[in-house]
Amino acid sequence: MSEEKIHFKSGFVAIIGRPNVGKSTLLNRILGQKVAITSNKPQTTRNRILGIHNLPDGQILFLDTPGIHKAKGPFNKYMVEQALSSCSEVDAIMLLVEANDRPGGGDEYVLKLIERSKAPILLVINKCDLVPRPALLPLIQSWAQRYPFQEIIPVSATKGEGVDDLVETIGELLPEGPRYYSGDMITDQPERFIVAEMVREQVFRRTRQEVPYGVGVQVENFEEKPEKDLVVINAVIQVEREAHKSIILGKRGAMIRTVGQAARKEIEKMLGTRVFLEIFVRVEPNWTSSARGLREMGYE
């Protein structure tokens, strides 16, 4: 029997928390590469995304999840179900909270939902760089009184503070297990999915109010042309209202060009090749409230 089979450790870890606490930013920091999109708007993450972190003697499979909230409507319920289903068969759960927030109703609601799981729960206090260090100890003590967490670890996902300690702690918790994915993989998501997410990310970052929440993106064509060191991509941004289409197009097409240019740069970084990206905008009224509309956009 090989040394790897004797000593290799592996397991699944769900990253759980309220919307906009930095789950995707933390995952990207751990992986050292972008696989999950980010913005300053809640509910940017809509799907459960697997991030694969390889260690010399182990493999940690992180599940980035949509923010848990009291959902209304089919789309929001879909996102919360994605998050909660991730807790059912994992080896550990990371509950992410913000250092600049005292334990409140939203965090308590999330904790009550996930404490049903038999997996150990680590409390990860993110954005610790935004508060004075002396303020962290009372916050840690306050959380420790609420639940017997396996560990309480303060981190800054944006600056990387405490992240190595977090990964080391998780690695120690994992059981012996197989290498689920090859060592050169960082996610199981297809390139088409990540490309669509990168387009959607730019819409989230550049539009306001309700516009981003009615946006879905589909990649309709993904053609590799290795002889030209080029990938040709055609994507469709789907919105619910004509007014939203006008906003995304912008005056004389200025907004859609800005979105396309920013998304193309991110896609080129990921693919390591030149990209020709063409984006269209389509109106599908109330698709986020329709089972058929959600299904057609890949949210099932």
Protein backbone atom coordinates (compact mmCIF):
# COMPACT_ATOMS: atom_id res chain seq x y z
CA MET A 1 0.00 0.00 0.00
CA SER A 2 1.39 3.41 -0.96
CA GLU A 3 2.23 6.19 1.48
CA GLU A 4 -0.51 8.34 -0.09
CA LYS A 5 -3.19 5.76 0.68
CA ILE A 6 -2.02 5.49 4.29
CA HIS A 7 -1.61 9.18 5.10
CA PHE A 8 -3.55 11.14 2.47
CA LYS A 9 -6.46 13.13 3.91
CA SER A 10 -9.39 14.57 1.99
CA GLY A 11 -12.87 15.87 2.53
CA PHE A 12 -15.60 18.37 1.73
CA VAL A 13 -16.00 21.69 3.53
CA ALA A 14 -19.09 23.90 3.09
CA ILE A 15 -18.61 27.69 3.26
CA ILE A 16 -21.83 29.05 4.76
CA GLY A 17 -23.01 32.49 5.80
CA ARG A 18 -25.32 35.41 5.22
CA PRO A 19 -25.19 37.19 1.86
CA ASN A 20 -22.16 39.38 1.22
CA VAL A 21 -19.94 38.24 4.10
CA GLY A 22 -17.07 37.37 1.76
CA LYS A 23 -17.46 33.64 1.09
CA SER A 24 -16.40 33.81 -2.56
CA THR A 25 -13.53 36.20 -1.82
CA LEU A 26 -12.25 33.76 0.80
CA LEU A 27 -12.49 30.81 -1.57
CA ASN A 28 -10.58 32.66 -4.29
CA ARG A 29 -7.91 33.64 -1.74
CA ILE A 30 -7.47 30.04 -0.57
CA LEU A 31 -7.21 28.72 -4.13
CA GLY A 32 -4.94 31.52 -5.30
CA GLN A 33 -7.08 31.84 -8.40
CA LYS A 34 -10.51 33.17 -9.24
CA VAL A 35 -13.24 30.57 -9.60
CA ALA A 36 -16.10 32.41 -7.86
CA ILE A 37 -17.29 35.87 -8.85
CA THR A 38 -17.52 38.69 -6.33
CA SER A 39 -19.22 42.06 -5.97
CA ASN A 40 -20.37 44.31 -3.15
CA LYS A 41 -23.98 43.27 -3.73
CA PRO A 42 -25.70 40.47 -1.78
CA GLN A 43 -26.57 37.21 -3.54
CA THR A 44 -23.84 37.51 -6.16
CA THR A 45 -23.25 33.76 -5.80
CA ARG A 46 -26.22 31.76 -7.06
CA ASN A 47 -24.86 28.24 -7.48
CA ARG A 48 -22.86 25.92 -5.29
CA ILE A 49 -19.29 26.09 -6.61
CA LEU A 50 -16.58 23.54 -5.87
CA GLY A 51 -13.06 24.78 -5.21
CA ILE A 52 -10.25 22.21 -5.06
CA HIS A 53 -7.30 23.01 -2.79
CA ASN A 54 -4.38 20.61 -3.05
CA LEU A 55 -1.98 20.05 -0.17
CA PRO A 56 1.18 17.89 -0.15
CA ASP A 57 -0.67 15.26 1.89
CA GLY A 58 -4.30 16.09 1.29
CA GLN A 59 -7.07 17.63 -0.76
CA ILE A 60 -9.70 20.02 0.60
CA LEU A 61 -12.87 20.37 -1.46
CA PHE A 62 -14.53 23.67 -0.62
CA LEU A 63 -18.17 24.30 -1.49
CA ASP A 64 -18.87 28.00 -1.94
CA THR A 65 -22.59 28.58 -1.46
CA PRO A 66 -25.17 31.34 -1.95
CA GLY A 67 -25.88 33.50 1.09
CA ILE A 68 -28.53 32.13 3.43
CA HIS A 69 -31.45 34.47 4.02
CA LYS A 70 -35.19 34.26 4.64
CA ALA A 71 -36.07 33.65 1.04
CA LYS A 72 -39.16 34.85 -0.79
CA GLY A 73 -39.89 33.70 -4.32
CA PRO A 74 -38.66 30.68 -6.26
CA PHE A 75 -35.28 32.10 -7.24
CA ASN A 76 -34.23 33.06 -3.71
CA LYS A 77 -35.52 29.75 -2.36
CA TYR A 78 -33.42 27.96 -4.96
CA MET A 79 -30.29 29.77 -3.77
CA VAL A 80 -30.92 28.99 -0.09
CA GLU A 81 -31.60 25.33 -0.90
CA GLN A 82 -28.27 25.22 -2.74
CA ALA A 83 -26.53 26.41 0.42
CA LEU A 84 -28.33 24.17 2.90
CA SER A 85 -27.99 21.03 0.79
CA SER A 86 -24.23 21.53 0.95
CA CYS A 87 -24.30 20.92 4.71
CA SER A 88 -25.83 17.46 4.54
CA GLU A 89 -22.79 15.33 3.74
CA VAL A 90 -19.67 17.40 4.38
CA ASP A 91 -16.75 16.77 6.70
CA ALA A 92 -16.74 20.31 8.11
CA ILE A 93 -18.66 23.57 7.88
CA MET A 94 -17.15 27.05 7.87
CA LEU A 95 -19.66 29.60 9.16
CA LEU A 96 -18.49 32.99 7.90
CA VAL A 97 -19.47 36.14 9.79
CA GLU A 98 -18.19 39.73 9.70
CA ALA A 99 -15.85 41.18 12.31
CA ASN A 100 -17.60 44.56 12.17
CA ASP A 101 -20.95 43.00 13.15
CA ARG A 102 -22.08 41.79 16.56
CA PRO A 103 -23.93 38.45 16.50
CA GLY A 104 -27.36 39.33 15.19
CA GLY A 105 -30.61 37.82 13.98
CA GLY A 106 -29.31 36.97 10.52
CA ASP A 107 -26.28 35.07 11.80
CA GLU A 108 -28.38 33.35 14.48
CA TYR A 109 -30.83 32.24 11.78
CA VAL A 110 -28.01 30.72 9.72
CA LEU A 111 -26.50 29.00 12.77
CA LYS A 112 -29.82 27.40 13.71
CA LEU A 113 -30.17 25.98 10.21
CA ILE A 114 -26.68 24.49 10.00
CA GLU A 115 -26.29 23.19 13.56
CA ARG A 116 -28.52 20.27 12.55
CA SER A 117 -25.57 18.94 10.61
CA LYS A 118 -23.34 16.39 12.33
CA ALA A 119 -20.22 17.98 10.85
CA PRO A 120 -17.94 20.12 13.05
CA ILE A 121 -18.55 23.84 12.61
CA LEU A 122 -15.71 26.35 12.49
CA LEU A 123 -16.56 30.00 13.01
CA VAL A 124 -14.56 32.18 10.61
CA ILE A 125 -14.68 35.88 11.47
CA ASN A 126 -13.93 37.67 8.22
CA LYS A 127 -12.91 41.29 7.58
CA CYS A 128 -10.86 41.38 10.79
CA ASP A 129 -8.67 44.05 9.17
CA LEU A 130 -11.60 46.49 9.42
CA VAL A 131 -11.78 46.51 13.24
CA PRO A 132 -9.22 47.33 15.95
CA ARG A 133 -7.49 44.16 17.16
CA PRO A 134 -8.62 44.66 20.81
CA ALA A 135 -12.24 44.50 19.62
CA LEU A 136 -11.82 40.95 18.31
CA LEU A 137 -11.50 39.23 21.70
CA PRO A 138 -14.93 40.32 23.05
CA LEU A 139 -16.46 39.33 19.70
CA ILE A 140 -14.85 35.89 19.85
CA GLN A 141 -16.05 35.45 23.44
CA SER A 142 -19.57 36.50 22.48
CA TRP A 143 -19.70 33.88 19.72
CA ALA A 144 -18.15 31.19 21.92
CA GLN A 145 -21.02 31.61 24.38
CA ARG A 146 -23.56 30.95 21.65
CA TYR A 147 -22.26 27.66 20.27
CA PRO A 148 -19.42 25.17 20.94
CA PHE A 149 -17.55 25.79 17.70
CA GLN A 150 -14.71 23.47 16.78
CA GLU A 151 -12.51 26.54 16.29
CA ILE A 152 -12.97 30.31 16.03
CA ILE A 153 -10.55 31.84 13.53
CA PRO A 154 -10.35 35.54 12.52
CA VAL A 155 -9.25 36.18 8.95
CA SER A 156 -9.13 38.86 6.28
CA ALA A 157 -10.04 37.29 2.94
CA THR A 158 -9.02 40.42 1.02
CA LYS A 159 -5.57 40.68 2.64
CA GLY A 160 -4.94 37.00 3.33
CA GLU A 161 -4.48 37.42 7.08
CA GLY A 162 -5.17 34.22 9.00
CA VAL A 163 -6.04 32.25 5.86
CA ASP A 164 -3.05 29.89 6.07
CA ASP A 165 -3.94 29.09 9.70
CA LEU A 166 -7.52 28.42 8.64
CA VAL A 167 -6.48 26.00 5.88
CA GLU A 168 -4.08 24.21 8.25
CA THR A 169 -6.83 23.80 10.86
CA ILE A 170 -9.24 22.40 8.29
CA GLY A 171 -6.60 20.01 6.97
CA GLU A 172 -6.14 18.60 10.45
CA LEU A 173 -9.88 17.96 10.78
CA LEU A 174 -10.23 15.94 7.59
CA PRO A 175 -10.39 12.15 7.64
CA GLU A 176 -8.10 9.90 5.63
CA GLY A 177 -9.47 9.63 2.13
CA PRO A 178 -8.73 9.47 -1.58
CA ARG A 179 -7.62 12.16 -4.00
CA TYR A 180 -10.99 12.99 -5.56
CA TYR A 181 -9.60 15.20 -8.34
CA SER A 182 -6.30 15.44 -10.15
CA GLY A 183 -3.75 17.80 -8.66
CA ASP A 184 -3.98 20.34 -11.50
CA MET A 185 -7.72 20.98 -11.07
CA ILE A 186 -9.07 23.88 -9.01
CA THR A 187 -12.79 23.46 -9.79
CA ASP A 188 -15.14 20.99 -11.44
CA GLN A 189 -17.13 23.75 -13.15
CA PRO A 190 -16.90 23.83 -16.97
CA GLU A 191 -15.28 26.84 -18.61
CA ARG A 192 -18.63 27.88 -20.12
CA PHE A 193 -20.12 28.25 -16.63
CA ILE A 194 -17.22 30.37 -15.35
CA VAL A 195 -17.30 32.56 -18.47
CA ALA A 196 -21.03 33.22 -17.96
CA GLU A 197 -20.37 34.06 -14.32
CA MET A 198 -17.62 36.51 -15.25
CA VAL A 199 -19.99 38.36 -17.56
CA ARG A 200 -22.65 38.43 -14.84
CA GLU A 201 -20.09 39.71 -12.33
CA GLN A 202 -19.47 42.81 -14.42
CA VAL A 203 -23.21 43.49 -14.65
CA PHE A 204 -23.45 43.21 -10.84
CA ARG A 205 -20.53 45.57 -10.38
CA ARG A 206 -21.71 48.23 -12.82
CA THR A 207 -25.50 48.40 -12.43
CA ARG A 208 -27.65 49.37 -9.47
CA GLN A 209 -30.88 48.74 -7.61
CA GLU A 210 -32.89 45.77 -8.85
CA VAL A 211 -31.22 45.41 -12.26
CA PRO A 212 -28.52 42.82 -11.31
CA TYR A 213 -30.98 40.53 -9.54
CA GLY A 214 -33.03 40.03 -12.70
CA VAL A 215 -29.97 39.18 -14.80
CA GLY A 216 -28.94 35.75 -16.02
CA VAL A 217 -26.18 34.89 -18.49
CA GLN A 218 -25.88 32.02 -20.94
CA VAL A 219 -22.92 31.17 -23.16
CA GLU A 220 -24.40 30.09 -26.48
CA ASN A 221 -21.15 29.55 -28.37
CA PHE A 222 -17.65 28.70 -27.14
CA GLU A 223 -15.29 27.99 -30.04
CA GLU A 224 -11.58 27.38 -29.61
CA LYS A 225 -9.29 28.38 -32.48
CA PRO A 226 -5.84 27.20 -31.35
CA GLU A 227 -4.22 28.07 -34.67
CA LYS A 228 -5.08 31.73 -33.94
CA ASP A 229 -4.51 31.53 -30.16
CA LEU A 230 -8.13 32.64 -29.85
CA VAL A 231 -11.42 31.64 -28.24
CA VAL A 232 -14.64 33.03 -29.73
CA ILE A 233 -17.50 33.39 -27.24
CA ASN A 234 -21.09 34.48 -27.76
CA ALA A 235 -23.03 35.20 -24.57
CA VAL A 236 -26.58 36.35 -23.87
CA ILE A 237 -27.52 38.53 -20.91
CA GLN A 238 -31.15 37.85 -20.04
CA VAL A 239 -33.20 40.47 -18.19
CA GLU A 240 -36.81 40.76 -17.09
CA ARG A 241 -37.72 44.22 -18.38
CA GLU A 242 -37.12 46.41 -21.42
CA ALA A 243 -36.00 49.17 -19.05
CA HIS A 244 -33.29 46.87 -17.68
CA LYS A 245 -32.16 46.09 -21.21
CA SER A 246 -31.77 49.80 -21.90
CA ILE A 247 -29.67 50.23 -18.74
CA ILE A 248 -27.37 47.34 -19.60
CA LEU A 249 -26.94 48.54 -23.18
CA GLY A 250 -26.33 52.10 -21.99
CA LYS A 251 -26.26 55.26 -24.04
CA ARG A 252 -25.04 54.36 -27.53
CA GLY A 253 -23.99 50.95 -26.22
CA ALA A 254 -21.49 52.38 -23.72
CA MET A 255 -22.46 50.12 -20.79
CA ILE A 256 -22.47 46.85 -22.72
CA ARG A 257 -19.04 47.71 -24.15
CA THR A 258 -17.69 48.40 -20.67
CA VAL A 259 -19.14 45.15 -19.33
CA GLY A 260 -17.76 43.21 -22.30
CA GLN A 261 -14.26 44.69 -22.07
CA ALA A 262 -13.96 44.03 -18.33
CA ALA A 263 -15.35 40.50 -18.64
CA ARG A 264 -13.04 39.71 -21.57
CA LYS A 265 -9.96 40.64 -19.54
CA GLU A 266 -11.02 38.30 -16.71
CA ILE A 267 -11.81 35.49 -19.15
CA GLU A 268 -8.45 35.90 -20.89
CA LYS A 269 -6.68 35.60 -17.51
CA MET A 270 -8.54 32.37 -16.80
CA LEU A 271 -8.11 30.79 -20.24
CA GLY A 272 -4.61 32.07 -20.89
CA THR A 273 -5.44 33.02 -24.47
CA ARG A 274 -6.95 35.85 -26.50
CA VAL A 275 -10.74 36.07 -26.41
CA PHE A 276 -13.27 37.55 -28.79
CA LEU A 277 -16.40 38.13 -26.70
CA GLU A 278 -19.73 39.16 -28.21
CA ILE A 279 -22.65 39.89 -25.89
CA PHE A 280 -26.34 40.22 -26.70
CA VAL A 281 -29.17 41.28 -24.37
CA ARG A 282 -32.52 39.47 -24.33
CA VAL A 283 -35.74 40.30 -22.46
CA GLU A 284 -37.66 37.42 -20.85
CA PRO A 285 -40.36 38.91 -18.59
CA ASN A 286 -40.44 37.56 -15.00
CA TRP A 287 -38.06 34.68 -15.70
CA THR A 288 -36.83 34.65 -12.08
CA SER A 289 -40.39 33.90 -10.91
CA SER A 290 -41.00 31.12 -13.43
CA ALA A 291 -40.02 27.49 -12.95
CA ARG A 292 -39.51 27.20 -16.70
CA GLY A 293 -37.44 30.40 -16.82
CA LEU A 294 -35.20 29.26 -13.98
CA ARG A 295 -34.76 25.85 -15.57
CA GLU A 296 -33.83 27.30 -18.94
CA MET A 297 -31.16 29.48 -17.31
CA GLY A 298 -29.68 26.48 -15.49
CA TYR A 299 -31.14 27.12 -12.03
CA GLU A 300 -32.85 23.86 -11.14
